[in-house]
Amino acid sequence: MRGWFSRRGEVLVPADSGAAKLVRQMEDGEALVMQAQKVRSLQWHRMYFACCRAIGENCDPPRDESSIDYELRVRAGHYDVIYVDGVEVRIPKRIAFDKLTADEWAALWPSLDIAMQDAFGFDFERWKDAA
């Protein structure tokens, strides 16, 4: 079973219904083995898509944030390659919370930032300060 936990002081507490159910099913004194995986912050995720939205709104013609996101992932090198009738097709890899850890996101971010600058002239630092 999978569950999310958050830190409160020196204690981990259930952060979703799956984790709460898991804790309720445990006997007193029973141990639980967990594998720690630091997840990305929701704020970081929302900031990235806000950047994609801002870029898309300033394209001519305007584009939606999803198309900008897909393009940025490919330009940043975060893609898989498939061949269709001998033609290379680059498929953006997933960036969902369960597919990319906080550390993996931190490693990917500089490439996304460069892709935003090179492809769209979007300066994240200036935009972040103005937003």
C-alpha atoms as a PDB file:
ATOM      1  CA  MET A   1       0.000   0.000   0.000  1.00  0.00           C
ATOM      2  CA  ARG A   2       1.213   3.504  -0.736  1.00  0.00           C
ATOM      3  CA  GLY A   3       0.778   6.511   1.508  1.00  0.00           C
ATOM      4  CA  TRP A   4       2.066  10.023   1.940  1.00  0.00           C
ATOM      5  CA  PHE A   5       3.496  11.224   5.240  1.00  0.00           C
ATOM      6  CA  SER A   6       4.565  14.683   6.359  1.00  0.00           C
ATOM      7  CA  ARG A   7       6.912  15.780   9.100  1.00  0.00           C
ATOM      8  CA  ARG A   8       5.551  17.443  12.232  1.00  0.00           C
ATOM      9  CA  GLY A   9       8.457  18.160  14.531  1.00  0.00           C
ATOM     10  CA  GLU A  10      10.238  14.836  15.017  1.00  0.00           C
ATOM     11  CA  VAL A  11       7.203  12.728  14.002  1.00  0.00           C
ATOM     12  CA  LEU A  12       5.865  11.530  10.649  1.00  0.00           C
ATOM     13  CA  VAL A  13       2.089  11.833  10.367  1.00  0.00           C
ATOM     14  CA  PRO A  14      -0.257  10.517   7.671  1.00  0.00           C
ATOM     15  CA  ALA A  15      -0.821  13.115   4.950  1.00  0.00           C
ATOM     16  CA  ASP A  16      -3.447  11.270   2.923  1.00  0.00           C
ATOM     17  CA  SER A  17      -6.207   8.709   3.412  1.00  0.00           C
ATOM     18  CA  GLY A  18      -4.021   5.800   2.238  1.00  0.00           C
ATOM     19  CA  ALA A  19      -1.385   6.563   4.854  1.00  0.00           C
ATOM     20  CA  ALA A  20      -4.027   7.005   7.557  1.00  0.00           C
ATOM     21  CA  LYS A  21      -5.555   3.632   6.674  1.00  0.00           C
ATOM     22  CA  LEU A  22      -2.128   2.013   6.778  1.00  0.00           C
ATOM     23  CA  VAL A  23      -1.449   3.375  10.274  1.00  0.00           C
ATOM     24  CA  ARG A  24      -4.896   2.267  11.536  1.00  0.00           C
ATOM     25  CA  GLN A  25      -4.262  -1.294  10.293  1.00  0.00           C
ATOM     26  CA  MET A  26      -0.979  -1.598  12.210  1.00  0.00           C
ATOM     27  CA  GLU A  27      -0.868  -3.423  15.533  1.00  0.00           C
ATOM     28  CA  ASP A  28       0.614  -1.697  18.575  1.00  0.00           C
ATOM     29  CA  GLY A  29       4.417  -2.026  18.369  1.00  0.00           C
ATOM     30  CA  GLU A  30       4.331  -3.226  14.751  1.00  0.00           C
ATOM     31  CA  ALA A  31       7.128  -1.830  12.575  1.00  0.00           C
ATOM     32  CA  LEU A  32       6.811  -0.409   9.100  1.00  0.00           C
ATOM     33  CA  VAL A  33       9.607  -0.266   6.519  1.00  0.00           C
ATOM     34  CA  MET A  34       9.469   2.842   4.372  1.00  0.00           C
ATOM     35  CA  GLN A  35      11.504   4.063   1.441  1.00  0.00           C
ATOM     36  CA  ALA A  36      11.995   7.806   1.572  1.00  0.00           C
ATOM     37  CA  GLN A  37      11.398   9.740  -1.601  1.00  0.00           C
ATOM     38  CA  LYS A  38      11.450  13.504  -1.351  1.00  0.00           C
ATOM     39  CA  VAL A  39       8.667  14.869  -3.526  1.00  0.00           C
ATOM     40  CA  ARG A  40       8.579  18.120  -5.418  1.00  0.00           C
ATOM     41  CA  SER A  41       6.776  21.034  -3.932  1.00  0.00           C
ATOM     42  CA  LEU A  42       3.412  21.917  -5.377  1.00  0.00           C
ATOM     43  CA  GLN A  43       4.529  25.561  -5.485  1.00  0.00           C
ATOM     44  CA  TRP A  44       7.489  24.631  -7.723  1.00  0.00           C
ATOM     45  CA  HIS A  45       5.176  22.667 -10.040  1.00  0.00           C
ATOM     46  CA  ARG A  46       2.659  25.539 -10.272  1.00  0.00           C
ATOM     47  CA  MET A  47       5.463  28.032 -10.937  1.00  0.00           C
ATOM     48  CA  TYR A  48       6.687  25.993 -13.916  1.00  0.00           C
ATOM     49  CA  PHE A  49       3.222  25.845 -15.469  1.00  0.00           C
ATOM     50  CA  ALA A  50       2.735  29.569 -14.799  1.00  0.00           C
ATOM     51  CA  CYS A  51       5.915  30.126 -16.832  1.00  0.00           C
ATOM     52  CA  CYS A  52       4.517  27.930 -19.618  1.00  0.00           C
ATOM     53  CA  ARG A  53       1.237  29.879 -19.532  1.00  0.00           C
ATOM     54  CA  ALA A  54       3.049  33.251 -19.646  1.00  0.00           C
ATOM     55  CA  ILE A  55       5.161  32.105 -22.603  1.00  0.00           C
ATOM     56  CA  GLY A  56       2.105  30.775 -24.441  1.00  0.00           C
ATOM     57  CA  GLU A  57       0.140  33.998 -23.909  1.00  0.00           C
ATOM     58  CA  ASN A  58       2.981  35.941 -25.520  1.00  0.00           C
ATOM     59  CA  CYS A  59       3.301  33.733 -28.612  1.00  0.00           C
ATOM     60  CA  ASP A  60       1.822  34.814 -31.933  1.00  0.00           C
ATOM     61  CA  PRO A  61      -0.568  33.099 -32.296  1.00  0.00           C
ATOM     62  CA  PRO A  62      -1.109  32.351 -28.586  1.00  0.00           C
ATOM     63  CA  ARG A  63      -0.462  28.765 -27.453  1.00  0.00           C
ATOM     64  CA  ASP A  64      -1.682  26.790 -24.464  1.00  0.00           C
ATOM     65  CA  GLU A  65       0.589  25.883 -21.562  1.00  0.00           C
ATOM     66  CA  SER A  66       0.588  22.182 -22.457  1.00  0.00           C
ATOM     67  CA  SER A  67       2.102  22.721 -25.893  1.00  0.00           C
ATOM     68  CA  ILE A  68       4.774  24.979 -24.374  1.00  0.00           C
ATOM     69  CA  ASP A  69       5.461  22.389 -21.661  1.00  0.00           C
ATOM     70  CA  TYR A  70       5.875  19.585 -24.232  1.00  0.00           C
ATOM     71  CA  GLU A  71       8.204  21.695 -26.353  1.00  0.00           C
ATOM     72  CA  LEU A  72      10.309  22.737 -23.359  1.00  0.00           C
ATOM     73  CA  ARG A  73      10.719  19.153 -22.186  1.00  0.00           C
ATOM     74  CA  VAL A  74      11.930  18.088 -25.626  1.00  0.00           C
ATOM     75  CA  ARG A  75      14.243  21.101 -25.965  1.00  0.00           C
ATOM     76  CA  ALA A  76      15.619  20.365 -22.471  1.00  0.00           C
ATOM     77  CA  GLY A  77      16.458  16.792 -23.519  1.00  0.00           C
ATOM     78  CA  HIS A  78      13.787  15.205 -21.305  1.00  0.00           C
ATOM     79  CA  TYR A  79      12.306  12.879 -23.913  1.00  0.00           C
ATOM     80  CA  ASP A  80      12.203   9.326 -25.271  1.00  0.00           C
ATOM     81  CA  VAL A  81      12.841   8.525 -28.927  1.00  0.00           C
ATOM     82  CA  ILE A  82      10.639   6.254 -31.019  1.00  0.00           C
ATOM     83  CA  TYR A  83      10.811   5.590 -34.734  1.00  0.00           C
ATOM     84  CA  VAL A  84       7.674   5.701 -36.842  1.00  0.00           C
ATOM     85  CA  ASP A  85       8.157   4.638 -40.461  1.00  0.00           C
ATOM     86  CA  GLY A  86      11.874   5.372 -40.093  1.00  0.00           C
ATOM     87  CA  VAL A  87      11.278   8.897 -38.770  1.00  0.00           C
ATOM     88  CA  GLU A  88      12.624   9.850 -35.323  1.00  0.00           C
ATOM     89  CA  VAL A  89       9.872  11.110 -33.034  1.00  0.00           C
ATOM     90  CA  ARG A  90      10.730  12.694 -29.690  1.00  0.00           C
ATOM     91  CA  ILE A  91       8.146  12.025 -26.994  1.00  0.00           C
ATOM     92  CA  PRO A  92       8.414  14.230 -23.862  1.00  0.00           C
ATOM     93  CA  LYS A  93       9.036  12.188 -20.707  1.00  0.00           C
ATOM     94  CA  ARG A  94       6.576  12.580 -17.857  1.00  0.00           C
ATOM     95  CA  ILE A  95       7.129  15.140 -15.114  1.00  0.00           C
ATOM     96  CA  ALA A  96       4.256  14.053 -12.873  1.00  0.00           C
ATOM     97  CA  PHE A  97       4.977  13.960  -9.138  1.00  0.00           C
ATOM     98  CA  ASP A  98       5.096  10.150  -9.132  1.00  0.00           C
ATOM     99  CA  LYS A  99       7.457  10.085 -12.132  1.00  0.00           C
ATOM    100  CA  LEU A 100      10.037  12.714 -11.161  1.00  0.00           C
ATOM    101  CA  THR A 101      11.455  13.201  -7.667  1.00  0.00           C
ATOM    102  CA  ALA A 102      12.483  16.554  -6.204  1.00  0.00           C
ATOM    103  CA  ASP A 103      16.148  15.772  -6.897  1.00  0.00           C
ATOM    104  CA  GLU A 104      15.409  14.761 -10.494  1.00  0.00           C
ATOM    105  CA  TRP A 105      13.355  17.943 -10.973  1.00  0.00           C
ATOM    106  CA  ALA A 106      16.212  20.051  -9.563  1.00  0.00           C
ATOM    107  CA  ALA A 107      18.572  18.422 -12.070  1.00  0.00           C
ATOM    108  CA  LEU A 108      16.128  19.030 -14.962  1.00  0.00           C
ATOM    109  CA  TRP A 109      15.279  22.651 -14.072  1.00  0.00           C
ATOM    110  CA  PRO A 110      18.461  24.302 -15.459  1.00  0.00           C
ATOM    111  CA  SER A 111      17.828  22.699 -18.888  1.00  0.00           C
ATOM    112  CA  LEU A 112      14.212  23.877 -18.848  1.00  0.00           C
ATOM    113  CA  ASP A 113      15.354  27.377 -17.913  1.00  0.00           C
ATOM    114  CA  ILE A 114      17.852  27.425 -20.798  1.00  0.00           C
ATOM    115  CA  ALA A 115      15.167  26.107 -23.185  1.00  0.00           C
ATOM    116  CA  MET A 116      12.799  28.915 -22.087  1.00  0.00           C
ATOM    117  CA  GLN A 117      15.520  31.487 -22.770  1.00  0.00           C
ATOM    118  CA  ASP A 118      16.783  30.053 -26.057  1.00  0.00           C
ATOM    119  CA  ALA A 119      13.434  29.219 -27.651  1.00  0.00           C
ATOM    120  CA  PHE A 120      11.255  32.023 -26.312  1.00  0.00           C
ATOM    121  CA  GLY A 121      13.571  34.678 -24.843  1.00  0.00           C
ATOM    122  CA  PHE A 122      11.860  34.080 -21.491  1.00  0.00           C
ATOM    123  CA  ASP A 123      13.969  35.157 -18.531  1.00  0.00           C
ATOM    124  CA  PHE A 124      12.621  33.252 -15.549  1.00  0.00           C
ATOM    125  CA  GLU A 125      14.526  35.284 -12.953  1.00  0.00           C
ATOM    126  CA  ARG A 126      13.176  38.620 -14.236  1.00  0.00           C
ATOM    127  CA  TRP A 127       9.666  37.191 -14.615  1.00  0.00           C
ATOM    128  CA  LYS A 128       9.751  35.630 -11.125  1.00  0.00           C
ATOM    129  CA  ASP A 129      10.733  38.962  -9.559  1.00  0.00           C
ATOM    130  CA  ALA A 130       7.975  40.793 -11.458  1.00  0.00           C
ATOM    131  CA  ALA A 131       5.277  38.176 -10.794  1.00  0.00           C
END
